[in-house]
Amino acid sequence: MSKIAKLNFLLLGIIILIILILGGITYYNSEKNLVITQKYNELKFIANEKANRILQWRDERIDNTKNISYSPFFAEAVAKWIANKNDLTLGEKIVKR
């Protein structure tokens, strides 16, 4: 083989190697961006679910409070407690409700 043929063969090998390296880098970056996007979407879904559960829990607590506060028994107990704040057992019963 002549020197020119060896040089052309070496040059062709280097070009193929550079193409393979650039292709690998491009593929890696593509897959990395895909994984980042998927994980971001998963975290976004989880965050939305958590927020919805917190809002649902809060609404349930507000409804419970409304039900208790509109109860005639509760209103009567509070009125009795206001009239006689020294009655600690009545105050404890109100807090337990």
Protein backbone atom coordinates (compact mmCIF):
# COMPACT_ATOMS: atom_id res chain seq x y z
CA MET A 1 0.00 0.00 0.00
CA SER A 2 1.27 3.43 -0.83
CA LYS A 3 1.56 6.30 1.60
CA ILE A 4 -1.38 8.13 -0.02
CA ALA A 5 -3.61 5.06 0.30
CA LYS A 6 -2.64 4.63 3.96
CA LEU A 7 -3.29 8.35 4.59
CA ASN A 8 -6.69 8.17 2.83
CA PHE A 9 -7.59 5.06 4.83
CA LEU A 10 -6.57 6.80 8.09
CA LEU A 11 -8.48 9.95 7.11
CA LEU A 12 -11.58 7.89 6.29
CA GLY A 13 -11.32 6.12 9.66
CA ILE A 14 -11.03 9.45 11.50
CA ILE A 15 -14.05 10.87 9.62
CA ILE A 16 -16.13 7.78 10.44
CA LEU A 17 -15.03 8.00 14.09
CA ILE A 18 -15.99 11.70 14.27
CA ILE A 19 -19.40 10.93 12.71
CA LEU A 20 -19.99 8.13 15.23
CA ILE A 21 -18.98 10.35 18.15
CA LEU A 22 -21.23 13.21 16.98
CA GLY A 23 -24.10 10.77 16.44
CA GLY A 24 -23.62 9.36 19.94
CA ILE A 25 -23.58 12.83 21.49
CA THR A 26 -26.74 13.79 19.59
CA TYR A 27 -28.52 10.59 20.64
CA TYR A 28 -27.46 11.05 24.27
CA ASN A 29 -28.72 14.65 24.37
CA SER A 30 -31.99 13.62 22.73
CA GLU A 31 -32.59 10.86 25.29
CA LYS A 32 -31.54 13.12 28.17
CA ASN A 33 -34.07 15.78 27.13
CA LEU A 34 -36.77 13.13 26.76
CA VAL A 35 -36.14 11.78 30.27
CA ILE A 36 -36.10 15.31 31.74
CA THR A 37 -39.42 16.11 30.06
CA GLN A 38 -41.01 12.85 31.26
CA LYS A 39 -39.85 13.34 34.85
CA TYR A 40 -41.01 16.97 34.82
CA ASN A 41 -44.47 15.85 33.66
CA GLU A 42 -44.59 13.14 36.35
CA LEU A 43 -43.67 15.63 39.07
CA LYS A 44 -46.19 18.13 37.73
CA PHE A 45 -48.93 15.47 37.88
CA ILE A 46 -47.97 14.48 41.43
CA ALA A 47 -47.91 18.12 42.55
CA ASN A 48 -51.36 18.74 41.07
CA GLU A 49 -52.73 15.61 42.75
CA LYS A 50 -51.30 16.66 46.12
CA ALA A 51 -52.74 20.15 45.73
CA ASN A 52 -56.16 18.74 44.86
CA ARG A 53 -56.07 16.42 47.87
CA ILE A 54 -55.15 19.30 50.17
CA LEU A 55 -57.99 21.40 48.77
CA GLN A 56 -60.41 18.51 49.18
CA TRP A 57 -59.24 17.97 52.78
CA ARG A 58 -59.61 21.70 53.51
CA ASP A 59 -63.12 21.78 52.04
CA GLU A 60 -64.09 18.78 54.17
CA ARG A 61 -62.79 20.50 57.31
CA ILE A 62 -64.70 23.68 56.45
CA ASP A 63 -67.88 21.65 55.90
CA ASN A 64 -67.38 19.89 59.23
CA THR A 65 -66.94 23.24 60.95
CA LYS A 66 -70.08 24.62 59.31
CA ASN A 67 -72.10 21.57 60.33
CA ILE A 68 -70.93 21.82 63.92
CA SER A 69 -71.39 25.58 64.18
CA TYR A 70 -74.92 25.46 62.74
CA SER A 71 -75.93 22.71 65.14
CA PRO A 72 -78.52 23.94 67.64
CA PHE A 73 -76.94 21.74 70.31
CA PHE A 74 -73.56 23.38 69.77
CA ALA A 75 -75.07 26.87 69.84
CA GLU A 76 -76.90 26.04 73.06
CA ALA A 77 -73.74 24.66 74.67
CA VAL A 78 -71.74 27.75 73.71
CA ALA A 79 -74.47 30.03 75.06
CA LYS A 80 -74.43 28.13 78.36
CA TRP A 81 -70.64 28.31 78.49
CA ILE A 82 -70.67 32.06 77.81
CA ALA A 83 -73.20 32.51 80.61
CA ASN A 84 -71.02 30.47 82.98
CA LYS A 85 -67.37 30.51 81.92
CA ASN A 86 -66.35 28.89 85.19
CA ASP A 87 -67.92 25.59 84.09
CA LEU A 88 -64.77 23.85 82.86
CA THR A 89 -66.53 20.59 82.02
CA LEU A 90 -68.84 22.39 79.62
CA GLY A 91 -65.87 24.10 77.98
CA GLU A 92 -64.13 20.73 77.58
CA LYS A 93 -67.26 19.21 76.04
CA ILE A 94 -67.42 22.02 73.50
CA VAL A 95 -63.77 21.54 72.55
CA LYS A 96 -64.25 17.77 72.17
CA ARG A 97 -67.08 18.26 69.69
